[in-house]
Amino acid sequence: MHAVLVESCLTWIVKIFLKLTLWISATTVYTLWTWDQTELLEVDRSFGVELFQHQ
């Protein structure tokens, strides 16, 4: 009985993990696809400047 419970818990965790991974990758692809490339560059540049100032 205990082994079955552990197994079902594991499959549940794996399913959730897979769904999360799929969701995250889909969101990332969607964001990259919809965002203008120049906008992405701007964000990248400002982020780099912030990192540089913090050092």
PDB file of N, CA and C in Angstrom:
ATOM      1  N   MET A   1       0.831  -1.199   0.000  1.00  0.00           N
ATOM      2  CA  MET A   1       0.000   0.000   0.000  1.00  0.00           C
ATOM      3  C   MET A   1       0.875   1.262   0.000  1.00  0.00           C
ATOM      4  N   HIS A   2       1.894   1.238   0.856  1.00  0.00           N
ATOM      5  CA  HIS A   2       2.762   2.406   0.979  1.00  0.00           C
ATOM      6  C   HIS A   2       3.514   2.681  -0.326  1.00  0.00           C
ATOM      7  N   ALA A   3       3.984   1.612  -0.963  1.00  0.00           N
ATOM      8  CA  ALA A   3       4.734   1.762  -2.210  1.00  0.00           C
ATOM      9  C   ALA A   3       3.867   2.400  -3.294  1.00  0.00           C
ATOM     10  N   VAL A   4       2.602   1.996  -3.334  1.00  0.00           N
ATOM     11  CA  VAL A   4       1.676   2.550  -4.334  1.00  0.00           C
ATOM     12  C   VAL A   4       1.500   4.045  -4.104  1.00  0.00           C
ATOM     13  N   LEU A   5       1.395   4.424  -2.841  1.00  0.00           N
ATOM     14  CA  LEU A   5       1.217   5.830  -2.484  1.00  0.00           C
ATOM     15  C   LEU A   5       2.425   6.656  -2.931  1.00  0.00           C
ATOM     16  N   VAL A   6       3.613   6.151  -2.636  1.00  0.00           N
ATOM     17  CA  VAL A   6       4.842   6.846  -3.026  1.00  0.00           C
ATOM     18  C   VAL A   6       4.917   6.978  -4.543  1.00  0.00           C
ATOM     19  N   GLU A   7       4.564   5.898  -5.236  1.00  0.00           N
ATOM     20  CA  GLU A   7       4.625   5.900  -6.692  1.00  0.00           C
ATOM     21  C   GLU A   7       3.676   6.937  -7.280  1.00  0.00           C
ATOM     22  N   SER A   8       2.454   6.989  -6.753  1.00  0.00           N
ATOM     23  CA  SER A   8       1.485   7.947  -7.278  1.00  0.00           C
ATOM     24  C   SER A   8       1.934   9.374  -6.984  1.00  0.00           C
ATOM     25  N   CYS A   9       2.552   9.573  -5.827  1.00  0.00           N
ATOM     26  CA  CYS A   9       3.089  10.895  -5.485  1.00  0.00           C
ATOM     27  C   CYS A   9       4.171  11.295  -6.478  1.00  0.00           C
ATOM     28  N   LEU A  10       5.052  10.349  -6.792  1.00  0.00           N
ATOM     29  CA  LEU A  10       6.148  10.622  -7.717  1.00  0.00           C
ATOM     30  C   LEU A  10       5.627  10.965  -9.111  1.00  0.00           C
ATOM     31  N   THR A  11       4.663  10.187  -9.588  1.00  0.00           N
ATOM     32  CA  THR A  11       4.123  10.460 -10.919  1.00  0.00           C
ATOM     33  C   THR A  11       3.448  11.829 -10.937  1.00  0.00           C
ATOM     34  N   TRP A  12       2.784  12.169  -9.836  1.00  0.00           N
ATOM     35  CA  TRP A  12       2.117  13.459  -9.710  1.00  0.00           C
ATOM     36  C   TRP A  12       3.137  14.592  -9.802  1.00  0.00           C
ATOM     37  N   ILE A  13       4.245  14.446  -9.062  1.00  0.00           N
ATOM     38  CA  ILE A  13       5.310  15.453  -9.060  1.00  0.00           C
ATOM     39  C   ILE A  13       5.914  15.588 -10.456  1.00  0.00           C
ATOM     40  N   VAL A  14       6.169  14.447 -11.091  1.00  0.00           N
ATOM     41  CA  VAL A  14       6.749  14.472 -12.435  1.00  0.00           C
ATOM     42  C   VAL A  14       5.810  15.169 -13.409  1.00  0.00           C
ATOM     43  N   LYS A  15       4.513  14.868 -13.311  1.00  0.00           N
ATOM     44  CA  LYS A  15       3.529  15.498 -14.196  1.00  0.00           C
ATOM     45  C   LYS A  15       3.530  17.007 -14.009  1.00  0.00           C
ATOM     46  N   ILE A  16       3.530  17.450 -12.762  1.00  0.00           N
ATOM     47  CA  ILE A  16       3.534  18.885 -12.473  1.00  0.00           C
ATOM     48  C   ILE A  16       4.811  19.523 -13.008  1.00  0.00           C
ATOM     49  N   PHE A  17       5.937  18.850 -12.789  1.00  0.00           N
ATOM     50  CA  PHE A  17       7.225  19.365 -13.253  1.00  0.00           C
ATOM     51  C   PHE A  17       7.228  19.522 -14.771  1.00  0.00           C
ATOM     52  N   LEU A  18       6.716  18.505 -15.468  1.00  0.00           N
ATOM     53  CA  LEU A  18       6.669  18.556 -16.926  1.00  0.00           C
ATOM     54  C   LEU A  18       5.774  19.692 -17.398  1.00  0.00           C
ATOM     55  N   LYS A  19       4.622  19.845 -16.738  1.00  0.00           N
ATOM     56  CA  LYS A  19       3.702  20.921 -17.109  1.00  0.00           C
ATOM     57  C   LYS A  19       4.357  22.275 -16.901  1.00  0.00           C
ATOM     58  N   LEU A  20       5.051  22.426 -15.779  1.00  0.00           N
ATOM     59  CA  LEU A  20       5.742  23.689 -15.484  1.00  0.00           C
ATOM     60  C   LEU A  20       6.800  23.986 -16.537  1.00  0.00           C
ATOM     61  N   THR A  21       7.599  22.967 -16.864  1.00  0.00           N
ATOM     62  CA  THR A  21       8.659  23.148 -17.852  1.00  0.00           C
ATOM     63  C   THR A  21       8.072  23.551 -19.196  1.00  0.00           C
ATOM     64  N   LEU A  22       7.017  22.849 -19.606  1.00  0.00           N
ATOM     65  CA  LEU A  22       6.347  23.164 -20.860  1.00  0.00           C
ATOM     66  C   LEU A  22       5.831  24.589 -20.846  1.00  0.00           C
ATOM     67  N   TRP A  23       5.178  24.957 -19.738  1.00  0.00           N
ATOM     68  CA  TRP A  23       4.582  26.285 -19.615  1.00  0.00           C
ATOM     69  C   TRP A  23       5.640  27.372 -19.690  1.00  0.00           C
ATOM     70  N   ILE A  24       6.750  27.163 -18.972  1.00  0.00           N
ATOM     71  CA  ILE A  24       7.828  28.157 -18.949  1.00  0.00           C
ATOM     72  C   ILE A  24       8.442  28.321 -20.336  1.00  0.00           C
ATOM     73  N   SER A  25       8.730  27.196 -20.999  1.00  0.00           N
ATOM     74  CA  SER A  25       9.339  27.282 -22.327  1.00  0.00           C
ATOM     75  C   SER A  25       8.371  27.929 -23.318  1.00  0.00           C
ATOM     76  N   ALA A  26       7.088  27.594 -23.209  1.00  0.00           N
ATOM     77  CA  ALA A  26       6.091  28.184 -24.097  1.00  0.00           C
ATOM     78  C   ALA A  26       6.007  29.692 -23.878  1.00  0.00           C
ATOM     79  N   THR A  27       6.009  30.107 -22.613  1.00  0.00           N
ATOM     80  CA  THR A  27       5.944  31.534 -22.298  1.00  0.00           C
ATOM     81  C   THR A  27       7.170  32.259 -22.833  1.00  0.00           C
ATOM     82  N   THR A  28       8.336  31.639 -22.655  1.00  0.00           N
ATOM     83  CA  THR A  28       9.579  32.252 -23.131  1.00  0.00           C
ATOM     84  C   THR A  28       9.547  32.418 -24.641  1.00  0.00           C
ATOM     85  N   VAL A  29       9.167  31.357 -25.344  1.00  0.00           N
ATOM     86  CA  VAL A  29       9.101  31.407 -26.807  1.00  0.00           C
ATOM     87  C   VAL A  29       8.105  32.472 -27.246  1.00  0.00           C
ATOM     88  N   TYR A  30       6.946  32.505 -26.591  1.00  0.00           N
ATOM     89  CA  TYR A  30       5.908  33.485 -26.931  1.00  0.00           C
ATOM     90  C   TYR A  30       6.428  34.907 -26.724  1.00  0.00           C
ATOM     91  N   THR A  31       7.096  35.128 -25.590  1.00  0.00           N
ATOM     92  CA  THR A  31       7.623  36.464 -25.290  1.00  0.00           C
ATOM     93  C   THR A  31       8.650  36.884 -26.329  1.00  0.00           C
ATOM     94  N   LEU A  32       9.577  35.972 -26.640  1.00  0.00           N
ATOM     95  CA  LEU A  32      10.608  36.275 -27.632  1.00  0.00           C
ATOM     96  C   LEU A  32       9.983  36.524 -29.000  1.00  0.00           C
ATOM     97  N   TRP A  33       8.933  35.769 -29.311  1.00  0.00           N
ATOM     98  CA  TRP A  33       8.286  35.861 -30.617  1.00  0.00           C
ATOM     99  C   TRP A  33       7.548  37.178 -30.761  1.00  0.00           C
ATOM    100  N   THR A  34       6.848  37.598 -29.681  1.00  0.00           N
ATOM    101  CA  THR A  34       5.994  38.782 -29.782  1.00  0.00           C
ATOM    102  C   THR A  34       6.769  40.076 -29.571  1.00  0.00           C
ATOM    103  N   TRP A  35       7.795  40.018 -28.743  1.00  0.00           N
ATOM    104  CA  TRP A  35       8.567  41.231 -28.482  1.00  0.00           C
ATOM    105  C   TRP A  35       9.347  41.672 -29.706  1.00  0.00           C
ATOM    106  N   ASP A  36       9.463  42.967 -29.856  1.00  0.00           N
ATOM    107  CA  ASP A  36      10.288  43.508 -30.930  1.00  0.00           C
ATOM    108  C   ASP A  36      11.750  43.272 -30.566  1.00  0.00           C
ATOM    109  N   GLN A  37      12.553  42.914 -31.557  1.00  0.00           N
ATOM    110  CA  GLN A  37      13.954  42.604 -31.287  1.00  0.00           C
ATOM    111  C   GLN A  37      14.699  43.803 -30.701  1.00  0.00           C
ATOM    112  N   THR A  38      14.370  45.011 -31.175  1.00  0.00           N
ATOM    113  CA  THR A  38      15.038  46.208 -30.657  1.00  0.00           C
ATOM    114  C   THR A  38      14.703  46.392 -29.184  1.00  0.00           C
ATOM    115  N   GLU A  39      13.455  46.093 -28.825  1.00  0.00           N
ATOM    116  CA  GLU A  39      13.027  46.196 -27.436  1.00  0.00           C
ATOM    117  C   GLU A  39      13.860  45.256 -26.568  1.00  0.00           C
ATOM    118  N   LEU A  40      14.052  44.040 -27.069  1.00  0.00           N
ATOM    119  CA  LEU A  40      14.860  43.061 -26.343  1.00  0.00           C
ATOM    120  C   LEU A  40      16.276  43.586 -26.141  1.00  0.00           C
ATOM    121  N   LEU A  41      16.824  44.193 -27.186  1.00  0.00           N
ATOM    122  CA  LEU A  41      18.179  44.734 -27.094  1.00  0.00           C
ATOM    123  C   LEU A  41      18.240  45.842 -26.058  1.00  0.00           C
ATOM    124  N   GLU A  42      17.209  46.687 -26.033  1.00  0.00           N
ATOM    125  CA  GLU A  42      17.158  47.776 -25.060  1.00  0.00           C
ATOM    126  C   GLU A  42      17.177  47.226 -23.642  1.00  0.00           C
ATOM    127  N   VAL A  43      16.335  46.229 -23.395  1.00  0.00           N
ATOM    128  CA  VAL A  43      16.267  45.608 -22.072  1.00  0.00           C
ATOM    129  C   VAL A  43      17.617  45.020 -21.706  1.00  0.00           C
ATOM    130  N   ASP A  44      18.216  44.328 -22.662  1.00  0.00           N
ATOM    131  CA  ASP A  44      19.516  43.703 -22.446  1.00  0.00           C
ATOM    132  C   ASP A  44      20.561  44.758 -22.087  1.00  0.00           C
ATOM    133  N   ARG A  45      20.558  45.867 -22.816  1.00  0.00           N
ATOM    134  CA  ARG A  45      21.541  46.919 -22.599  1.00  0.00           C
ATOM    135  C   ARG A  45      21.357  47.554 -21.222  1.00  0.00           C
ATOM    136  N   SER A  46      20.110  47.887 -20.881  1.00  0.00           N
ATOM    137  CA  SER A  46      19.857  48.530 -19.587  1.00  0.00           C
ATOM    138  C   SER A  46      20.226  47.587 -18.448  1.00  0.00           C
ATOM    139  N   PHE A  47      19.966  46.302 -18.632  1.00  0.00           N
ATOM    140  CA  PHE A  47      20.320  45.308 -17.621  1.00  0.00           C
ATOM    141  C   PHE A  47      21.835  45.259 -17.451  1.00  0.00           C
ATOM    142  N   GLY A  48      22.545  45.295 -18.573  1.00  0.00           N
ATOM    143  CA  GLY A  48      24.001  45.280 -18.534  1.00  0.00           C
ATOM    144  C   GLY A  48      24.547  46.514 -17.827  1.00  0.00           C
ATOM    145  N   VAL A  49      23.934  47.670 -18.094  1.00  0.00           N
ATOM    146  CA  VAL A  49      24.358  48.917 -17.455  1.00  0.00           C
ATOM    147  C   VAL A  49      24.150  48.823 -15.949  1.00  0.00           C
ATOM    148  N   GLU A  50      22.989  48.292 -15.545  1.00  0.00           N
ATOM    149  CA  GLU A  50      22.695  48.137 -14.117  1.00  0.00           C
ATOM    150  C   GLU A  50      23.729  47.245 -13.453  1.00  0.00           C
ATOM    151  N   LEU A  51      24.056  46.136 -14.106  1.00  0.00           N
ATOM    152  CA  LEU A  51      25.052  45.217 -13.565  1.00  0.00           C
ATOM    153  C   LEU A  51      26.395  45.919 -13.436  1.00  0.00           C
ATOM    154  N   PHE A  52      26.731  46.706 -14.446  1.00  0.00           N
ATOM    155  CA  PHE A  52      28.015  47.395 -14.465  1.00  0.00           C
ATOM    156  C   PHE A  52      28.095  48.411 -13.321  1.00  0.00           C
ATOM    157  N   GLN A  53      26.988  49.126 -13.072  1.00  0.00           N
ATOM    158  CA  GLN A  53      26.970  50.144 -12.022  1.00  0.00           C
ATOM    159  C   GLN A  53      27.071  49.520 -10.637  1.00  0.00           C
ATOM    160  N   HIS A  54      26.520  48.319 -10.485  1.00  0.00           N
ATOM    161  CA  HIS A  54      26.519  47.676  -9.169  1.00  0.00           C
ATOM    162  C   HIS A  54      27.899  47.191  -8.751  1.00  0.00           C
ATOM    163  N   GLN A  55      28.766  46.976  -9.728  1.00  0.00           N
ATOM    164  CA  GLN A  55      30.082  46.424  -9.403  1.00  0.00           C
ATOM    165  C   GLN A  55      30.981  47.447  -8.716  1.00  0.00           C
TER     166      GLN A  55
END
